[in-house]
Amino acid sequence: MCVTQITSWGVVYYAFLAPLQIAWASGSSVELATAASTAAQLVSAFVGICVGRTIDHQGRTL
């Protein structure tokens, strides 16, 4: 399930050309915008895991 969610969100995100629009708006290269977008998604995924573990450990929602 996790792999399916990651793959589907990645396909949907990149299908709408978000990195290309970011590159146009910021004046940077498409490669840099794609790398930054990918890095942001990876950071979000790891932070989500940490937050989920914290919520599970405390036994309540924040």
Protein backbone atom coordinates (compact mmCIF):
# COMPACT_ATOMS: atom_id res chain seq x y z
CA MET A 1 0.00 0.00 0.00
CA CYS A 2 2.79 2.42 0.88
CA VAL A 3 4.60 1.90 -2.43
CA THR A 4 1.32 2.35 -4.30
CA GLN A 5 0.59 5.64 -2.53
CA ILE A 6 4.09 7.02 -3.09
CA THR A 7 4.01 6.05 -6.76
CA SER A 8 0.54 7.44 -7.39
CA TRP A 9 1.26 10.76 -5.67
CA GLY A 10 4.54 11.07 -7.57
CA VAL A 11 2.83 10.40 -10.89
CA VAL A 12 0.04 12.87 -10.16
CA TYR A 13 2.47 15.54 -8.93
CA TYR A 14 4.87 15.32 -11.85
CA ALA A 15 2.06 14.86 -14.42
CA PHE A 16 0.90 18.40 -13.75
CA LEU A 17 4.34 19.80 -14.60
CA ALA A 18 4.86 21.38 -11.19
CA PRO A 19 8.67 21.39 -11.45
CA LEU A 20 8.46 23.04 -14.87
CA GLN A 21 6.19 25.76 -13.51
CA ILE A 22 8.48 26.25 -10.51
CA ALA A 23 11.46 26.61 -12.85
CA TRP A 24 9.66 29.21 -14.97
CA ALA A 25 8.52 31.20 -11.95
CA SER A 26 11.88 31.16 -10.17
CA GLY A 27 14.15 31.46 -13.19
CA SER A 28 16.08 28.30 -12.28
CA SER A 29 16.73 25.21 -14.37
CA VAL A 30 14.15 22.46 -14.69
CA GLU A 31 16.66 19.96 -13.28
CA LEU A 32 17.18 22.05 -10.15
CA ALA A 33 13.43 22.56 -9.66
CA THR A 34 12.83 18.81 -10.09
CA ALA A 35 15.58 17.95 -7.61
CA ALA A 36 14.24 20.47 -5.09
CA SER A 37 10.69 19.15 -5.46
CA THR A 38 11.86 15.58 -5.02
CA ALA A 39 13.91 16.50 -1.96
CA ALA A 40 10.92 18.30 -0.44
CA GLN A 41 8.71 15.26 -0.94
CA LEU A 42 11.30 12.96 0.64
CA VAL A 43 11.67 15.26 3.65
CA SER A 44 7.89 15.37 3.98
CA ALA A 45 7.72 11.57 3.89
CA PHE A 46 10.35 11.14 6.62
CA VAL A 47 8.82 13.85 8.81
CA GLY A 48 5.43 12.17 8.39
CA ILE A 49 6.87 8.90 9.69
CA CYS A 50 8.36 10.65 12.73
CA VAL A 51 5.12 12.49 13.46
CA GLY A 52 3.13 9.27 13.10
CA ARG A 53 5.41 7.45 15.52
CA THR A 54 5.15 10.30 17.99
CA ILE A 55 1.36 10.24 17.81
CA ASP A 56 1.34 6.45 18.24
CA HIS A 57 3.72 6.68 21.20
CA GLN A 58 1.66 9.32 22.98
CA GLY A 59 -1.58 7.49 22.28
CA ARG A 60 -3.47 10.59 21.27
CA THR A 61 -3.62 13.11 18.46
CA LEU A 62 -1.87 16.43 18.70
